[in-house]
């Protein structure tokens, strides 16, 4: 099996490399086994991969596999700057548009042991402080 990286692209087109320890193909199709970790983009965004559960089911020793993939955008001047730079690269005149920058949010997708999306969550990080 190959080892390498897969890419996640955030809302402003900044690529964040996410580690993958294994690539393969089974009866359900192609897959990648992601490495747990946290990656920070130049715009201040954070991509985090972690096990969706480390606790065994009640009354058993069985710990379900699966993962939680989260993208967080803390409030930051770097976020606004990254959006402005993306507009400039796309030849968008910042004096002729209203730029709304999403700030202070987090979204997560939960995947079960066979790789199917099993739930989602999102929140406003400003309200957590």
Protein backbone atom coordinates (compact mmCIF):
# COMPACT_ATOMS: atom_id res chain seq x y z
CA UNK A 1 0.00 0.00 0.00
CA UNK A 2 1.10 3.57 -0.68
CA UNK A 3 1.67 6.10 2.04
CA UNK A 4 1.31 9.80 1.52
CA UNK A 5 -1.11 12.65 1.88
CA UNK A 6 -4.58 13.56 0.83
CA UNK A 7 -5.60 17.19 0.54
CA UNK A 8 -8.41 19.13 2.18
CA UNK A 9 -9.28 22.49 0.70
CA UNK A 10 -10.96 25.13 2.86
CA UNK A 11 -13.40 27.82 1.81
CA UNK A 12 -10.74 30.20 0.52
CA UNK A 13 -8.79 27.66 -1.52
CA UNK A 14 -5.92 27.07 0.90
CA UNK A 15 -4.67 23.50 0.77
CA UNK A 16 -3.88 21.65 4.00
CA UNK A 17 -2.04 18.34 3.75
CA UNK A 18 -3.59 15.62 5.89
CA UNK A 19 -1.49 12.54 6.62
CA UNK A 20 -2.72 9.17 5.37
CA UNK A 21 -1.02 6.01 6.62
CA UNK A 22 -2.61 3.68 4.09
CA UNK A 23 -4.38 3.71 0.74
CA UNK A 24 -6.18 0.70 -0.64
CA UNK A 25 -9.20 -0.79 -2.31
CA UNK A 26 -11.71 -3.29 -0.95
CA UNK A 27 -15.20 -4.50 -1.86
CA UNK A 28 -16.63 -1.02 -1.09
CA UNK A 29 -14.11 0.84 -3.27
CA UNK A 30 -11.00 2.93 -2.71
CA UNK A 31 -10.12 4.15 0.77
CA UNK A 32 -7.51 6.02 2.76
CA UNK A 33 -6.68 5.57 6.45
CA UNK A 34 -6.13 9.05 7.86
CA UNK A 35 -3.57 9.78 10.55
CA UNK A 36 -4.76 11.51 13.71
CA UNK A 37 -3.37 15.00 13.99
CA UNK A 38 -3.92 18.71 13.75
CA UNK A 39 -2.85 20.94 10.87
CA UNK A 40 -2.91 24.75 10.82
CA UNK A 41 -3.36 26.64 7.55
CA UNK A 42 -1.74 29.98 6.74
CA UNK A 43 -5.17 31.61 7.21
CA UNK A 44 -5.37 30.39 10.81
CA UNK A 45 -7.82 27.59 10.02
CA UNK A 46 -7.32 24.32 11.85
CA UNK A 47 -8.03 20.87 10.39
CA UNK A 48 -8.17 18.14 13.00
CA UNK A 49 -8.52 14.36 12.59
CA UNK A 50 -9.21 12.32 15.70
CA UNK A 51 -10.91 9.07 16.70
CA UNK A 52 -14.65 9.62 17.00
CA UNK A 53 -14.70 7.59 20.20
CA UNK A 54 -12.05 6.30 22.53
CA UNK A 55 -14.56 4.95 25.06
CA UNK A 56 -15.80 1.35 24.83
CA UNK A 57 -19.50 0.67 24.51
CA UNK A 58 -21.08 0.46 28.00
CA UNK A 59 -20.66 -2.99 29.50
CA UNK A 60 -18.18 -4.15 26.83
CA UNK A 61 -14.50 -3.92 25.93
CA UNK A 62 -15.41 -3.03 22.32
CA UNK A 63 -14.31 0.42 21.19
CA UNK A 64 -15.91 1.41 17.89
CA UNK A 65 -13.62 2.68 15.17
CA UNK A 66 -14.32 5.74 13.10
CA UNK A 67 -13.11 9.29 13.04
CA UNK A 68 -14.09 12.88 13.49
CA UNK A 69 -12.85 15.33 10.85
CA UNK A 70 -13.12 18.95 12.03
CA UNK A 71 -12.42 22.28 10.39
CA UNK A 72 -12.18 25.26 12.74
CA UNK A 73 -11.82 28.91 11.82
CA UNK A 74 -10.92 30.99 14.87
CA UNK A 75 -11.48 34.74 14.65
CA UNK A 76 -8.27 36.21 13.32
CA UNK A 77 -6.91 39.03 11.17
CA UNK A 78 -5.12 36.30 9.19
CA UNK A 79 -8.53 34.99 8.10
CA UNK A 80 -9.57 38.32 6.58
CA UNK A 81 -6.15 38.76 4.97
CA UNK A 82 -6.32 35.27 3.39
CA UNK A 83 -9.78 35.99 1.93
CA UNK A 84 -8.58 39.33 0.55
CA UNK A 85 -5.51 37.70 -1.03
CA UNK A 86 -7.74 35.04 -2.63
CA UNK A 87 -9.94 37.78 -4.13
CA UNK A 88 -6.89 39.59 -5.49
CA UNK A 89 -5.55 36.37 -7.11
CA UNK A 90 -8.98 35.98 -8.78
CA UNK A 91 -8.78 39.59 -10.06
CA UNK A 92 -11.70 40.70 -7.87
CA UNK A 93 -11.54 44.39 -7.00
CA UNK A 94 -12.06 44.64 -3.23
CA UNK A 95 -13.41 48.18 -3.69
CA UNK A 96 -16.31 46.85 -5.78
CA UNK A 97 -17.50 43.94 -3.60
CA UNK A 98 -18.72 43.40 -0.08
CA UNK A 99 -16.52 40.75 1.46
CA UNK A 100 -18.21 38.69 4.17
CA UNK A 101 -15.66 36.57 6.02
CA UNK A 102 -16.94 33.67 8.11
CA UNK A 103 -15.16 33.88 11.43
CA UNK A 104 -15.14 31.92 14.64
CA UNK A 105 -16.83 28.70 13.53
CA UNK A 106 -16.25 24.95 13.67
CA UNK A 107 -17.75 22.11 11.63
CA UNK A 108 -17.20 18.40 12.11
CA UNK A 109 -18.15 15.27 10.20
CA UNK A 110 -18.21 11.91 11.96
CA UNK A 111 -17.36 8.78 9.95
CA UNK A 112 -18.15 5.24 11.08
CA UNK A 113 -15.86 2.22 10.83
CA UNK A 114 -16.71 1.59 7.15
CA UNK A 115 -16.15 5.19 6.11
CA UNK A 116 -19.75 6.36 5.85
CA UNK A 117 -20.67 9.80 7.19
CA UNK A 118 -22.45 9.12 10.48
CA UNK A 119 -23.24 12.62 11.74
CA UNK A 120 -22.33 16.28 11.60
CA UNK A 121 -21.92 19.07 14.12
CA UNK A 122 -21.15 22.77 13.88
CA UNK A 123 -20.89 25.63 16.31
CA UNK A 124 -20.03 29.28 16.67
CA UNK A 125 -16.65 29.39 18.46
CA UNK A 126 -17.37 32.91 19.73
CA UNK A 127 -20.26 31.60 21.82
CA UNK A 128 -18.04 28.99 23.47
CA UNK A 129 -15.70 31.61 24.96
